[in-house]
Amino acid sequence: MSRSQTTFRNVFRRAALPALALGFIAFFGIYAVVGSNGALAYGDYQRMLARQQMHLVQLKNQQAVLANRVRLLDPNKVDPDIADELTRKQLNVVNPNEVVVPLK
């Protein structure tokens, strides 16, 4: 039984496919940790989620204020105070130094 001659070309041929496979595995493994959707981006997503939830709360509060104003402007029963406020604003008879004194 004769032993074939071990040359660089033979070693390279036998090692090329496993090396290429390890390269692909390493690439995808690193991308899974460091990539834009990787494990390290999880904290960033948590911060963005918290910021968006705070923004949502602010928008809900604005929506509640606007819904209240719409309710006060119901055509069947308009609130006199809101009608006075809007009329004075439209006719430009509002003085910046005015003080509103609530009666309730």
N, C-alpha and C. Protein backbone atom coordinates (compact mmCIF):
# COMPACT_ATOMS: atom_id res chain seq x y z
N MET A 1 0.82 -1.15 0.00
CA MET A 1 0.00 0.00 0.00
C MET A 1 0.88 1.23 0.00
N SER A 2 0.71 1.97 -1.02
CA SER A 2 1.55 3.16 -1.12
C SER A 2 0.79 4.38 -0.62
N ARG A 3 1.51 5.17 0.03
CA ARG A 3 0.94 6.39 0.59
C ARG A 3 1.06 7.50 -0.45
N SER A 4 -0.06 8.21 -0.67
CA SER A 4 0.01 9.28 -1.66
C SER A 4 0.79 10.45 -1.08
N GLN A 5 1.35 11.16 -1.95
CA GLN A 5 2.20 12.27 -1.55
C GLN A 5 1.30 13.41 -1.03
N THR A 6 1.59 13.90 0.17
CA THR A 6 0.83 14.99 0.76
C THR A 6 1.43 16.31 0.30
N THR A 7 0.65 17.00 -0.48
CA THR A 7 1.11 18.29 -0.98
C THR A 7 0.19 19.38 -0.45
N PHE A 8 0.64 20.58 -0.62
CA PHE A 8 -0.16 21.72 -0.17
C PHE A 8 -1.50 21.74 -0.90
N ARG A 9 -1.50 21.40 -2.16
CA ARG A 9 -2.72 21.41 -2.95
C ARG A 9 -3.72 20.39 -2.41
N ASN A 10 -3.28 19.22 -2.03
CA ASN A 10 -4.18 18.19 -1.48
C ASN A 10 -4.74 18.63 -0.14
N VAL A 11 -3.90 19.20 0.71
CA VAL A 11 -4.36 19.67 2.03
C VAL A 11 -5.37 20.80 1.85
N PHE A 12 -5.08 21.69 0.94
CA PHE A 12 -5.99 22.81 0.68
C PHE A 12 -7.34 22.33 0.17
N ARG A 13 -7.34 21.35 -0.71
CA ARG A 13 -8.59 20.81 -1.23
C ARG A 13 -9.43 20.18 -0.13
N ARG A 14 -8.78 19.43 0.77
CA ARG A 14 -9.53 18.77 1.84
C ARG A 14 -10.02 19.75 2.90
N ALA A 15 -9.30 20.85 3.12
CA ALA A 15 -9.66 21.79 4.18
C ALA A 15 -10.53 22.95 3.69
N ALA A 16 -10.68 23.12 2.41
CA ALA A 16 -11.40 24.28 1.88
C ALA A 16 -12.88 24.28 2.26
N LEU A 17 -13.56 23.18 2.08
CA LEU A 17 -14.99 23.12 2.36
C LEU A 17 -15.29 23.30 3.86
N PRO A 18 -14.60 22.60 4.77
CA PRO A 18 -14.86 22.86 6.19
C PRO A 18 -14.50 24.29 6.61
N ALA A 19 -13.44 24.85 6.04
CA ALA A 19 -13.07 26.23 6.38
C ALA A 19 -14.14 27.20 5.89
N LEU A 20 -14.65 26.97 4.70
CA LEU A 20 -15.70 27.81 4.16
C LEU A 20 -16.97 27.71 5.01
N ALA A 21 -17.31 26.50 5.43
CA ALA A 21 -18.49 26.31 6.28
C ALA A 21 -18.30 27.01 7.62
N LEU A 22 -17.13 26.90 8.22
CA LEU A 22 -16.86 27.59 9.48
C LEU A 22 -16.92 29.11 9.30
N GLY A 23 -16.47 29.59 8.16
CA GLY A 23 -16.56 31.03 7.88
C GLY A 23 -17.99 31.51 7.82
N PHE A 24 -18.85 30.74 7.14
CA PHE A 24 -20.27 31.10 7.08
C PHE A 24 -20.91 31.06 8.46
N ILE A 25 -20.61 30.04 9.23
CA ILE A 25 -21.17 29.92 10.58
C ILE A 25 -20.71 31.09 11.44
N ALA A 26 -19.44 31.45 11.34
CA ALA A 26 -18.91 32.57 12.13
C ALA A 26 -19.58 33.88 11.71
N PHE A 27 -19.75 34.08 10.41
CA PHE A 27 -20.38 35.30 9.93
C PHE A 27 -21.79 35.45 10.48
N PHE A 28 -22.59 34.40 10.34
CA PHE A 28 -23.97 34.49 10.81
C PHE A 28 -24.06 34.53 12.33
N GLY A 29 -23.12 33.88 13.00
CA GLY A 29 -23.10 33.95 14.47
C GLY A 29 -22.78 35.35 14.96
N ILE A 30 -21.81 35.99 14.33
CA ILE A 30 -21.47 37.36 14.72
C ILE A 30 -22.62 38.30 14.39
N TYR A 31 -23.24 38.10 13.23
CA TYR A 31 -24.36 38.95 12.85
C TYR A 31 -25.54 38.77 13.82
N ALA A 32 -25.72 37.55 14.33
CA ALA A 32 -26.82 37.31 15.28
C ALA A 32 -26.59 38.04 16.59
N VAL A 33 -25.36 38.31 16.93
CA VAL A 33 -25.06 39.01 18.19
C VAL A 33 -24.94 40.51 17.97
N VAL A 34 -24.21 40.93 16.94
CA VAL A 34 -23.86 42.33 16.76
C VAL A 34 -24.72 43.01 15.70
N GLY A 35 -25.44 42.30 14.89
CA GLY A 35 -26.18 42.87 13.77
C GLY A 35 -27.31 43.79 14.19
N SER A 36 -27.96 44.38 13.21
CA SER A 36 -29.02 45.35 13.47
C SER A 36 -30.22 44.74 14.20
N ASN A 37 -30.44 43.46 14.05
CA ASN A 37 -31.50 42.77 14.78
C ASN A 37 -30.93 41.78 15.77
N GLY A 38 -29.69 41.95 16.15
CA GLY A 38 -29.02 40.99 17.02
C GLY A 38 -29.34 41.17 18.48
N ALA A 39 -28.65 40.38 19.28
CA ALA A 39 -28.89 40.38 20.72
C ALA A 39 -28.49 41.70 21.36
N LEU A 40 -27.46 42.37 20.86
CA LEU A 40 -27.04 43.64 21.44
C LEU A 40 -28.00 44.77 21.10
N ALA A 41 -28.81 44.62 20.07
CA ALA A 41 -29.78 45.65 19.70
C ALA A 41 -31.03 45.57 20.57
N TYR A 42 -31.17 44.56 21.38
CA TYR A 42 -32.36 44.40 22.22
C TYR A 42 -32.54 45.57 23.18
N GLY A 43 -31.44 46.01 23.81
CA GLY A 43 -31.52 47.15 24.73
C GLY A 43 -31.95 48.41 24.01
N ASP A 44 -31.48 48.58 22.79
CA ASP A 44 -31.87 49.73 21.99
C ASP A 44 -33.36 49.69 21.70
N TYR A 45 -33.87 48.51 21.39
CA TYR A 45 -35.30 48.37 21.13
C TYR A 45 -36.12 48.68 22.38
N GLN A 46 -35.62 48.30 23.54
CA GLN A 46 -36.33 48.58 24.79
C GLN A 46 -36.40 50.09 25.03
N ARG A 47 -35.30 50.82 24.79
CA ARG A 47 -35.29 52.27 24.96
C ARG A 47 -36.23 52.94 23.96
N MET A 48 -36.23 52.47 22.73
CA MET A 48 -37.12 53.05 21.72
C MET A 48 -38.58 52.77 22.08
N LEU A 49 -38.86 51.59 22.60
CA LEU A 49 -40.22 51.25 23.00
C LEU A 49 -40.69 52.14 24.14
N ALA A 50 -39.84 52.38 25.12
CA ALA A 50 -40.21 53.24 26.25
C ALA A 50 -40.47 54.66 25.77
N ARG A 51 -39.64 55.16 24.86
CA ARG A 51 -39.82 56.51 24.33
C ARG A 51 -41.12 56.60 23.54
N GLN A 52 -41.44 55.59 22.75
CA GLN A 52 -42.67 55.61 21.96
C GLN A 52 -43.90 55.48 22.87
N GLN A 53 -43.78 54.74 23.96
CA GLN A 53 -44.91 54.62 24.89
C GLN A 53 -45.18 55.96 25.58
N MET A 54 -44.10 56.70 25.92
CA MET A 54 -44.30 58.04 26.51
C MET A 54 -44.96 58.96 25.50
N HIS A 55 -44.55 58.88 24.25
CA HIS A 55 -45.14 59.69 23.20
C HIS A 55 -46.62 59.34 23.02
N LEU A 56 -46.94 58.06 23.11
CA LEU A 56 -48.33 57.61 23.00
C LEU A 56 -49.18 58.19 24.12
N VAL A 57 -48.64 58.23 25.33
CA VAL A 57 -49.38 58.80 26.46
C VAL A 57 -49.65 60.28 26.22
N GLN A 58 -48.66 61.00 25.70
CA GLN A 58 -48.86 62.42 25.39
C GLN A 58 -49.94 62.60 24.33
N LEU A 59 -49.91 61.76 23.31
CA LEU A 59 -50.92 61.86 22.26
C LEU A 59 -52.31 61.52 22.78
N LYS A 60 -52.40 60.54 23.67
CA LYS A 60 -53.70 60.19 24.26
C LYS A 60 -54.25 61.36 25.08
N ASN A 61 -53.36 62.06 25.81
CA ASN A 61 -53.80 63.22 26.58
C ASN A 61 -54.30 64.33 25.65
N GLN A 62 -53.58 64.58 24.56
CA GLN A 62 -54.02 65.57 23.58
C GLN A 62 -55.37 65.16 22.97
N GLN A 63 -55.52 63.89 22.71
CA GLN A 63 -56.77 63.40 22.14
C GLN A 63 -57.92 63.62 23.13
N ALA A 64 -57.67 63.40 24.42
CA ALA A 64 -58.71 63.61 25.43
C ALA A 64 -59.11 65.08 25.50
N VAL A 65 -58.12 65.98 25.42
CA VAL A 65 -58.41 67.42 25.45
C VAL A 65 -59.25 67.81 24.24
N LEU A 66 -58.86 67.31 23.07
CA LEU A 66 -59.61 67.64 21.86
C LEU A 66 -61.01 67.03 21.89
N ALA A 67 -61.14 65.82 22.42
CA ALA A 67 -62.46 65.19 22.52
C ALA A 67 -63.37 65.99 23.45
N ASN A 68 -62.80 66.55 24.51
CA ASN A 68 -63.58 67.37 25.43
C ASN A 68 -64.05 68.64 24.74
N ARG A 69 -63.16 69.26 23.95
CA ARG A 69 -63.55 70.48 23.24
C ARG A 69 -64.63 70.17 22.20
N VAL A 70 -64.53 69.06 21.54
CA VAL A 70 -65.56 68.67 20.57
C VAL A 70 -66.88 68.44 21.28
N ARG A 71 -66.83 67.81 22.45
CA ARG A 71 -68.05 67.58 23.22
C ARG A 71 -68.68 68.91 23.64
N LEU A 72 -67.85 69.89 24.00
CA LEU A 72 -68.37 71.20 24.41
C LEU A 72 -68.96 71.98 23.23
N LEU A 73 -68.53 71.66 22.02
CA LEU A 73 -69.04 72.35 20.83
C LEU A 73 -70.17 71.58 20.15
N ASP A 74 -70.83 70.73 20.87
CA ASP A 74 -71.96 69.98 20.31
C ASP A 74 -73.01 70.96 19.78
N PRO A 75 -73.41 70.83 18.53
CA PRO A 75 -74.36 71.79 17.95
C PRO A 75 -75.70 71.86 18.69
N ASN A 76 -76.09 70.80 19.34
CA ASN A 76 -77.37 70.81 20.05
C ASN A 76 -77.28 71.54 21.39
N LYS A 77 -76.13 71.56 21.99
CA LYS A 77 -75.98 72.21 23.30
C LYS A 77 -74.55 72.73 23.42
N VAL A 78 -74.30 73.94 22.98
CA VAL A 78 -72.96 74.53 23.00
C VAL A 78 -72.71 75.12 24.38
N ASP A 79 -71.52 74.90 24.90
CA ASP A 79 -71.13 75.47 26.18
C ASP A 79 -70.92 76.98 25.99
N PRO A 80 -71.54 77.81 26.80
CA PRO A 80 -71.43 79.26 26.60
C PRO A 80 -70.00 79.78 26.75
N ASP A 81 -69.24 79.21 27.64
CA ASP A 81 -67.87 79.69 27.83
C ASP A 81 -67.00 79.43 26.60
N ILE A 82 -67.12 78.25 26.03
CA ILE A 82 -66.32 77.92 24.85
C ILE A 82 -66.79 78.74 23.66
N ALA A 83 -68.09 79.00 23.56
CA ALA A 83 -68.61 79.82 22.46
C ALA A 83 -68.07 81.25 22.60
N ASP A 84 -68.05 81.77 23.82
CA ASP A 84 -67.52 83.11 24.05
C ASP A 84 -66.03 83.17 23.71
N GLU A 85 -65.30 82.16 24.13
CA GLU A 85 -63.86 82.12 23.86
C GLU A 85 -63.57 82.11 22.36
N LEU A 86 -64.27 81.25 21.62
CA LEU A 86 -64.04 81.15 20.18
C LEU A 86 -64.49 82.41 19.45
N THR A 87 -65.61 83.00 19.88
CA THR A 87 -66.10 84.23 19.24
C THR A 87 -65.13 85.36 19.44
N ARG A 88 -64.64 85.52 20.66
CA ARG A 88 -63.69 86.60 20.94
C ARG A 88 -62.39 86.39 20.17
N LYS A 89 -61.96 85.14 20.04
CA LYS A 89 -60.74 84.87 19.30
C LYS A 89 -60.92 85.16 17.81
N GLN A 90 -62.07 84.79 17.24
CA GLN A 90 -62.33 85.02 15.82
C GLN A 90 -62.50 86.51 15.50
N LEU A 91 -63.11 87.25 16.42
CA LEU A 91 -63.33 88.68 16.19
C LEU A 91 -62.13 89.53 16.62
N ASN A 92 -61.11 88.88 17.15
CA ASN A 92 -59.87 89.53 17.56
C ASN A 92 -60.12 90.61 18.62
N VAL A 93 -60.93 90.29 19.60
CA VAL A 93 -61.20 91.23 20.69
C VAL A 93 -60.65 90.68 22.01
N VAL A 94 -59.63 89.86 21.92
CA VAL A 94 -59.01 89.29 23.11
C VAL A 94 -57.78 90.12 23.44
N ASN A 95 -57.72 90.58 24.66
CA ASN A 95 -56.57 91.35 25.12
C ASN A 95 -55.62 90.41 25.83
N PRO A 96 -54.31 90.49 25.55
CA PRO A 96 -53.37 89.57 26.21
C PRO A 96 -53.30 89.75 27.72
N ASN A 97 -53.75 90.90 28.22
CA ASN A 97 -53.68 91.15 29.67
C ASN A 97 -54.94 90.70 30.39
N GLU A 98 -55.87 90.11 29.71
CA GLU A 98 -57.11 89.69 30.35
C GLU A 98 -56.85 88.54 31.32
N VAL A 99 -57.62 88.52 32.38
CA VAL A 99 -57.55 87.46 33.37
C VAL A 99 -58.93 86.82 33.44
N VAL A 100 -58.95 85.52 33.34
CA VAL A 100 -60.22 84.80 33.41
C VAL A 100 -60.43 84.35 34.84
N VAL A 101 -61.58 84.69 35.38
CA VAL A 101 -61.92 84.32 36.75
C VAL A 101 -63.03 83.28 36.68
N PRO A 102 -62.73 82.02 37.02
CA PRO A 102 -63.79 81.01 36.98
C PRO A 102 -64.76 81.23 38.13
N LEU A 103 -66.05 81.04 37.84
CA LEU A 103 -67.09 81.26 38.84
C LEU A 103 -67.41 80.01 39.63
N LYS A 104 -66.92 78.87 39.21
CA LYS A 104 -67.24 77.62 39.89
C LYS A 104 -66.26 77.31 40.96
